[in-house]
Amino acid sequence: MSNPAFTRAEPDARRQSLIEATARVLARDGAAGASVRAIALEAGVSPGLVAHHFGGVHALIAATYGHIGEQVSAALDAAVADAGEDPRARLSAYVAASFAPPIADRALLATWTAFWGLVIARGDVAALHDAQYAHYRTELEALLAACGLVAPATRRAAIAITALVDGLWLELCLSPTVLDAVEARAITEAQIAALLR
């Protein structure tokens, strides 16, 4: 008796496998290459399972964006928690984590780039983007407030730091021989120090 071409798995595990496969396809082939067939092939499942678990490729890509955002948030949260109780150390840990694995990763950059392109074209991805960045800014505002910054300066500072970190993260992932994590952190820390003065 031959083995079936596609193995059975628990629904949650299969959904997770499809999300992970979608992230790999997006990183490798971009949004244009993220077809049901390509994702199913990457996951080692039949194309019908994409529709079965997600209703279609658009919902799967949105779920993948949400999952990747949760992974980034978890890495940031863990770094802040590990920094202890000192507010400034917690803020520095947030910054340092932004420039370290698993966040500073070329595959993650490729995946995010595909998502960013979809933000313009798809309302569901744009809504996820807005929710994720609102969460990041809220976390950063709380860290800044704990360091003594008061509203409305906390909101503006959080937006400025997020933009700076995103730009440096992009350059770090694209050109690690030009900018390394130590320099990216130093640039960000200098700006934070100026904002907190």
C-alpha atoms as a PDB file:
ATOM      1  CA  MET A   1       0.000   0.000   0.000  1.00  0.00           C
ATOM      2  CA  SER A   2       1.436   3.390  -0.973  1.00  0.00           C
ATOM      3  CA  ASN A   3       1.549   6.385   1.301  1.00  0.00           C
ATOM      4  CA  PRO A   4      -0.954   9.170   0.527  1.00  0.00           C
ATOM      5  CA  ALA A   5       0.533  12.143  -1.323  1.00  0.00           C
ATOM      6  CA  PHE A   6      -0.555  14.521   1.429  1.00  0.00           C
ATOM      7  CA  THR A   7      -0.415  13.662   5.088  1.00  0.00           C
ATOM      8  CA  ARG A   8      -3.222  14.411   7.528  1.00  0.00           C
ATOM      9  CA  ALA A   9      -2.600  16.767  10.414  1.00  0.00           C
ATOM     10  CA  GLU A  10      -4.630  18.439  13.086  1.00  0.00           C
ATOM     11  CA  PRO A  11      -6.466  21.530  11.727  1.00  0.00           C
ATOM     12  CA  ASP A  12      -4.479  24.016  13.851  1.00  0.00           C
ATOM     13  CA  ALA A  13      -1.195  22.436  12.837  1.00  0.00           C
ATOM     14  CA  ARG A  14      -2.236  22.454   9.170  1.00  0.00           C
ATOM     15  CA  ARG A  15      -3.295  26.100   9.366  1.00  0.00           C
ATOM     16  CA  GLN A  16       0.043  26.975  10.980  1.00  0.00           C
ATOM     17  CA  SER A  17       1.903  25.015   8.321  1.00  0.00           C
ATOM     18  CA  LEU A  18       0.090  26.960   5.594  1.00  0.00           C
ATOM     19  CA  ILE A  19       0.887  30.277   7.301  1.00  0.00           C
ATOM     20  CA  GLU A  20       4.567  29.385   7.576  1.00  0.00           C
ATOM     21  CA  ALA A  21       4.633  28.239   3.950  1.00  0.00           C
ATOM     22  CA  THR A  22       2.992  31.503   2.892  1.00  0.00           C
ATOM     23  CA  ALA A  23       5.662  33.507   4.722  1.00  0.00           C
ATOM     24  CA  ARG A  24       8.388  31.545   2.932  1.00  0.00           C
ATOM     25  CA  VAL A  25       6.717  32.010  -0.461  1.00  0.00           C
ATOM     26  CA  LEU A  26       6.264  35.740   0.160  1.00  0.00           C
ATOM     27  CA  ALA A  27       9.917  36.053   1.204  1.00  0.00           C
ATOM     28  CA  ARG A  28      11.125  34.145  -1.832  1.00  0.00           C
ATOM     29  CA  ASP A  29       8.682  35.202  -4.576  1.00  0.00           C
ATOM     30  CA  GLY A  30       6.916  38.336  -3.305  1.00  0.00           C
ATOM     31  CA  ALA A  31       3.186  38.948  -3.327  1.00  0.00           C
ATOM     32  CA  ALA A  32       2.916  38.237  -7.053  1.00  0.00           C
ATOM     33  CA  GLY A  33       4.239  34.708  -6.509  1.00  0.00           C
ATOM     34  CA  ALA A  34       1.973  33.884  -3.572  1.00  0.00           C
ATOM     35  CA  SER A  35      -0.542  31.746  -5.422  1.00  0.00           C
ATOM     36  CA  VAL A  36      -2.592  28.926  -3.945  1.00  0.00           C
ATOM     37  CA  ARG A  37      -0.558  26.439  -5.966  1.00  0.00           C
ATOM     38  CA  ALA A  38       2.825  27.842  -4.854  1.00  0.00           C
ATOM     39  CA  ILE A  39       1.802  27.929  -1.191  1.00  0.00           C
ATOM     40  CA  ALA A  40       0.310  24.432  -1.298  1.00  0.00           C
ATOM     41  CA  LEU A  41       3.464  23.090  -2.949  1.00  0.00           C
ATOM     42  CA  GLU A  42       5.635  24.793  -0.318  1.00  0.00           C
ATOM     43  CA  ALA A  43       3.484  23.345   2.491  1.00  0.00           C
ATOM     44  CA  GLY A  44       3.307  19.901   0.890  1.00  0.00           C
ATOM     45  CA  VAL A  45      -0.493  19.846   0.801  1.00  0.00           C
ATOM     46  CA  SER A  46      -3.206  19.859  -1.811  1.00  0.00           C
ATOM     47  CA  PRO A  47      -4.345  23.278  -3.077  1.00  0.00           C
ATOM     48  CA  GLY A  48      -7.853  22.525  -1.815  1.00  0.00           C
ATOM     49  CA  LEU A  49      -6.626  22.780   1.780  1.00  0.00           C
ATOM     50  CA  VAL A  50      -5.968  26.507   1.340  1.00  0.00           C
ATOM     51  CA  ALA A  51      -9.647  27.050   0.546  1.00  0.00           C
ATOM     52  CA  HIS A  52     -10.701  24.575   3.237  1.00  0.00           C
ATOM     53  CA  HIS A  53      -8.754  26.303   6.035  1.00  0.00           C
ATOM     54  CA  PHE A  54      -8.772  29.928   4.873  1.00  0.00           C
ATOM     55  CA  GLY A  55     -11.381  30.327   2.155  1.00  0.00           C
ATOM     56  CA  GLY A  56      -8.731  31.523  -0.293  1.00  0.00           C
ATOM     57  CA  VAL A  57      -5.280  32.947  -0.734  1.00  0.00           C
ATOM     58  CA  HIS A  58      -6.241  36.501   0.306  1.00  0.00           C
ATOM     59  CA  ALA A  59      -7.400  35.385   3.749  1.00  0.00           C
ATOM     60  CA  LEU A  60      -4.295  33.194   4.103  1.00  0.00           C
ATOM     61  CA  ILE A  61      -2.002  36.127   3.304  1.00  0.00           C
ATOM     62  CA  ALA A  62      -3.864  38.302   5.824  1.00  0.00           C
ATOM     63  CA  ALA A  63      -3.532  35.560   8.460  1.00  0.00           C
ATOM     64  CA  THR A  64       0.171  35.324   7.678  1.00  0.00           C
ATOM     65  CA  TYR A  65       0.577  39.077   8.138  1.00  0.00           C
ATOM     66  CA  GLY A  66      -1.156  38.840  11.502  1.00  0.00           C
ATOM     67  CA  HIS A  67       1.035  35.907  12.535  1.00  0.00           C
ATOM     68  CA  ILE A  68       4.281  37.632  11.550  1.00  0.00           C
ATOM     69  CA  GLY A  69       3.200  40.753  13.437  1.00  0.00           C
ATOM     70  CA  GLU A  70       2.491  38.636  16.522  1.00  0.00           C
ATOM     71  CA  GLN A  71       5.973  37.088  16.273  1.00  0.00           C
ATOM     72  CA  VAL A  72       7.598  40.532  16.131  1.00  0.00           C
ATOM     73  CA  SER A  73       5.509  41.715  19.098  1.00  0.00           C
ATOM     74  CA  ALA A  74       6.437  38.604  21.081  1.00  0.00           C
ATOM     75  CA  ALA A  75      10.158  39.182  20.457  1.00  0.00           C
ATOM     76  CA  LEU A  76       9.872  42.824  21.539  1.00  0.00           C
ATOM     77  CA  ASP A  77       7.796  41.939  24.604  1.00  0.00           C
ATOM     78  CA  ALA A  78      10.272  39.244  25.667  1.00  0.00           C
ATOM     79  CA  ALA A  79      13.211  41.630  25.372  1.00  0.00           C
ATOM     80  CA  VAL A  80      11.430  44.276  27.453  1.00  0.00           C
ATOM     81  CA  ALA A  81      10.417  41.726  30.099  1.00  0.00           C
ATOM     82  CA  ASP A  82      13.999  40.425  30.318  1.00  0.00           C
ATOM     83  CA  ALA A  83      15.313  43.971  30.893  1.00  0.00           C
ATOM     84  CA  GLY A  84      13.947  44.162  34.426  1.00  0.00           C
ATOM     85  CA  GLU A  85      12.137  47.069  36.036  1.00  0.00           C
ATOM     86  CA  ASP A  86      14.279  50.086  35.083  1.00  0.00           C
ATOM     87  CA  PRO A  87      12.221  52.123  32.565  1.00  0.00           C
ATOM     88  CA  ARG A  88      15.226  53.296  30.543  1.00  0.00           C
ATOM     89  CA  ALA A  89      16.654  49.770  30.354  1.00  0.00           C
ATOM     90  CA  ARG A  90      13.287  48.502  29.156  1.00  0.00           C
ATOM     91  CA  LEU A  91      13.163  51.144  26.420  1.00  0.00           C
ATOM     92  CA  SER A  92      16.720  50.285  25.371  1.00  0.00           C
ATOM     93  CA  ALA A  93      15.829  46.595  25.260  1.00  0.00           C
ATOM     94  CA  TYR A  94      12.924  47.379  22.941  1.00  0.00           C
ATOM     95  CA  VAL A  95      15.303  49.205  20.608  1.00  0.00           C
ATOM     96  CA  ALA A  96      17.997  46.517  20.770  1.00  0.00           C
ATOM     97  CA  ALA A  97      15.482  43.777  19.974  1.00  0.00           C
ATOM     98  CA  SER A  98      14.419  45.681  16.860  1.00  0.00           C
ATOM     99  CA  PHE A  99      17.922  45.238  15.447  1.00  0.00           C
ATOM    100  CA  ALA A 100      18.531  41.636  16.526  1.00  0.00           C
ATOM    101  CA  PRO A 101      17.274  38.266  15.358  1.00  0.00           C
ATOM    102  CA  PRO A 102      14.563  37.191  14.866  1.00  0.00           C
ATOM    103  CA  ILE A 103      13.473  40.723  13.873  1.00  0.00           C
ATOM    104  CA  ALA A 104      16.633  41.756  12.005  1.00  0.00           C
ATOM    105  CA  ASP A 105      16.378  39.065   9.365  1.00  0.00           C
ATOM    106  CA  ARG A 106      16.544  39.309   5.585  1.00  0.00           C
ATOM    107  CA  ALA A 107      13.744  36.756   5.121  1.00  0.00           C
ATOM    108  CA  LEU A 108      11.520  38.802   7.430  1.00  0.00           C
ATOM    109  CA  LEU A 109      12.417  41.914   5.421  1.00  0.00           C
ATOM    110  CA  ALA A 110      11.384  40.176   2.204  1.00  0.00           C
ATOM    111  CA  THR A 111       8.113  39.085   3.779  1.00  0.00           C
ATOM    112  CA  TRP A 112       7.394  42.576   5.185  1.00  0.00           C
ATOM    113  CA  THR A 113       8.173  44.139   1.814  1.00  0.00           C
ATOM    114  CA  ALA A 114       5.533  41.931   0.208  1.00  0.00           C
ATOM    115  CA  PHE A 115       3.057  42.898   2.932  1.00  0.00           C
ATOM    116  CA  TRP A 116       3.809  46.605   2.543  1.00  0.00           C
ATOM    117  CA  GLY A 117       3.003  46.349  -1.148  1.00  0.00           C
ATOM    118  CA  LEU A 118      -0.330  44.748  -0.266  1.00  0.00           C
ATOM    119  CA  VAL A 119      -1.190  47.533   2.215  1.00  0.00           C
ATOM    120  CA  ILE A 120      -1.733  49.833  -0.763  1.00  0.00           C
ATOM    121  CA  ALA A 121      -3.827  47.360  -2.728  1.00  0.00           C
ATOM    122  CA  ARG A 122      -5.893  45.577  -0.097  1.00  0.00           C
ATOM    123  CA  GLY A 123      -8.077  47.057   2.606  1.00  0.00           C
ATOM    124  CA  ASP A 124      -7.856  43.990   4.862  1.00  0.00           C
ATOM    125  CA  VAL A 125      -4.058  44.109   4.872  1.00  0.00           C
ATOM    126  CA  ALA A 126      -4.137  47.885   5.397  1.00  0.00           C
ATOM    127  CA  ALA A 127      -6.374  47.395   8.441  1.00  0.00           C
ATOM    128  CA  LEU A 128      -3.984  44.777   9.839  1.00  0.00           C
ATOM    129  CA  HIS A 129      -1.062  47.122   9.234  1.00  0.00           C
ATOM    130  CA  ASP A 130      -2.813  49.973  11.040  1.00  0.00           C
ATOM    131  CA  ALA A 131      -3.684  47.718  13.995  1.00  0.00           C
ATOM    132  CA  GLN A 132      -0.163  46.321  14.266  1.00  0.00           C
ATOM    133  CA  TYR A 133       1.538  49.686  14.115  1.00  0.00           C
ATOM    134  CA  ALA A 134      -0.963  51.127  16.594  1.00  0.00           C
ATOM    135  CA  HIS A 135      -0.001  48.319  18.962  1.00  0.00           C
ATOM    136  CA  TYR A 136       3.733  49.006  18.503  1.00  0.00           C
ATOM    137  CA  ARG A 137       3.203  52.732  19.084  1.00  0.00           C
ATOM    138  CA  THR A 138       1.069  52.099  22.182  1.00  0.00           C
ATOM    139  CA  GLU A 139       3.787  49.878  23.646  1.00  0.00           C
ATOM    140  CA  LEU A 140       6.443  52.451  22.823  1.00  0.00           C
ATOM    141  CA  GLU A 141       4.339  55.288  24.265  1.00  0.00           C
ATOM    142  CA  ALA A 142       4.042  53.349  27.535  1.00  0.00           C
ATOM    143  CA  LEU A 143       7.811  52.823  27.642  1.00  0.00           C
ATOM    144  CA  LEU A 144       8.404  56.522  26.969  1.00  0.00           C
ATOM    145  CA  ALA A 145       5.856  57.571  29.588  1.00  0.00           C
ATOM    146  CA  ALA A 146       7.618  55.364  32.135  1.00  0.00           C
ATOM    147  CA  CYS A 147      10.791  57.311  31.313  1.00  0.00           C
ATOM    148  CA  GLY A 148       9.030  60.576  32.186  1.00  0.00           C
ATOM    149  CA  LEU A 149       7.759  61.813  28.827  1.00  0.00           C
ATOM    150  CA  VAL A 150       4.224  63.213  28.987  1.00  0.00           C
ATOM    151  CA  ALA A 151       1.396  63.400  26.427  1.00  0.00           C
ATOM    152  CA  PRO A 152       1.162  64.598  23.703  1.00  0.00           C
ATOM    153  CA  ALA A 153       4.951  64.298  23.427  1.00  0.00           C
ATOM    154  CA  THR A 154       4.769  60.526  23.981  1.00  0.00           C
ATOM    155  CA  ARG A 155       2.694  59.988  20.833  1.00  0.00           C
ATOM    156  CA  ARG A 156       4.939  62.109  18.627  1.00  0.00           C
ATOM    157  CA  ALA A 157       8.089  60.566  20.092  1.00  0.00           C
ATOM    158  CA  ALA A 158       6.704  57.060  19.548  1.00  0.00           C
ATOM    159  CA  ILE A 159       5.938  57.869  15.907  1.00  0.00           C
ATOM    160  CA  ALA A 160       9.403  59.368  15.416  1.00  0.00           C
ATOM    161  CA  ILE A 161      11.178  56.429  17.039  1.00  0.00           C
ATOM    162  CA  THR A 162       9.088  53.909  15.095  1.00  0.00           C
ATOM    163  CA  ALA A 163       9.951  55.659  11.833  1.00  0.00           C
ATOM    164  CA  LEU A 164      13.642  55.823  12.761  1.00  0.00           C
ATOM    165  CA  VAL A 165      13.760  52.175  13.839  1.00  0.00           C
ATOM    166  CA  ASP A 166      11.920  51.063  10.690  1.00  0.00           C
ATOM    167  CA  GLY A 167      14.326  52.988   8.471  1.00  0.00           C
ATOM    168  CA  LEU A 168      17.433  51.728  10.247  1.00  0.00           C
ATOM    169  CA  TRP A 169      16.031  48.175  10.354  1.00  0.00           C
ATOM    170  CA  LEU A 170      15.446  48.342   6.608  1.00  0.00           C
ATOM    171  CA  GLU A 171      19.011  49.525   5.954  1.00  0.00           C
ATOM    172  CA  LEU A 172      20.453  46.965   8.387  1.00  0.00           C
ATOM    173  CA  CYS A 173      18.646  44.114   6.612  1.00  0.00           C
ATOM    174  CA  LEU A 174      19.462  45.413   3.128  1.00  0.00           C
ATOM    175  CA  SER A 175      23.089  46.413   3.744  1.00  0.00           C
ATOM    176  CA  PRO A 176      24.517  44.777   6.874  1.00  0.00           C
ATOM    177  CA  THR A 177      28.055  45.636   5.762  1.00  0.00           C
ATOM    178  CA  VAL A 178      27.160  49.347   5.744  1.00  0.00           C
ATOM    179  CA  LEU A 179      25.163  49.472   8.982  1.00  0.00           C
ATOM    180  CA  ASP A 180      25.353  46.997  11.840  1.00  0.00           C
ATOM    181  CA  ALA A 181      23.102  46.488  14.861  1.00  0.00           C
ATOM    182  CA  VAL A 182      25.477  48.309  17.223  1.00  0.00           C
ATOM    183  CA  GLU A 183      25.451  51.451  15.095  1.00  0.00           C
ATOM    184  CA  ALA A 184      21.701  51.266  14.519  1.00  0.00           C
ATOM    185  CA  ARG A 185      21.131  51.069  18.279  1.00  0.00           C
ATOM    186  CA  ALA A 186      23.540  53.949  18.917  1.00  0.00           C
ATOM    187  CA  ILE A 187      21.763  56.185  16.396  1.00  0.00           C
ATOM    188  CA  THR A 188      18.377  55.371  17.898  1.00  0.00           C
ATOM    189  CA  GLU A 189      19.567  55.782  21.488  1.00  0.00           C
ATOM    190  CA  ALA A 190      20.990  59.231  20.672  1.00  0.00           C
ATOM    191  CA  GLN A 191      17.615  60.313  19.304  1.00  0.00           C
ATOM    192  CA  ILE A 192      15.782  58.872  22.298  1.00  0.00           C
ATOM    193  CA  ALA A 193      18.122  60.703  24.658  1.00  0.00           C
ATOM    194  CA  ALA A 194      17.362  63.956  22.832  1.00  0.00           C
ATOM    195  CA  LEU A 195      13.615  63.300  23.023  1.00  0.00           C
ATOM    196  CA  LEU A 196      13.768  62.568  26.747  1.00  0.00           C
ATOM    197  CA  ARG A 197      15.756  65.713  27.604  1.00  0.00           C
END
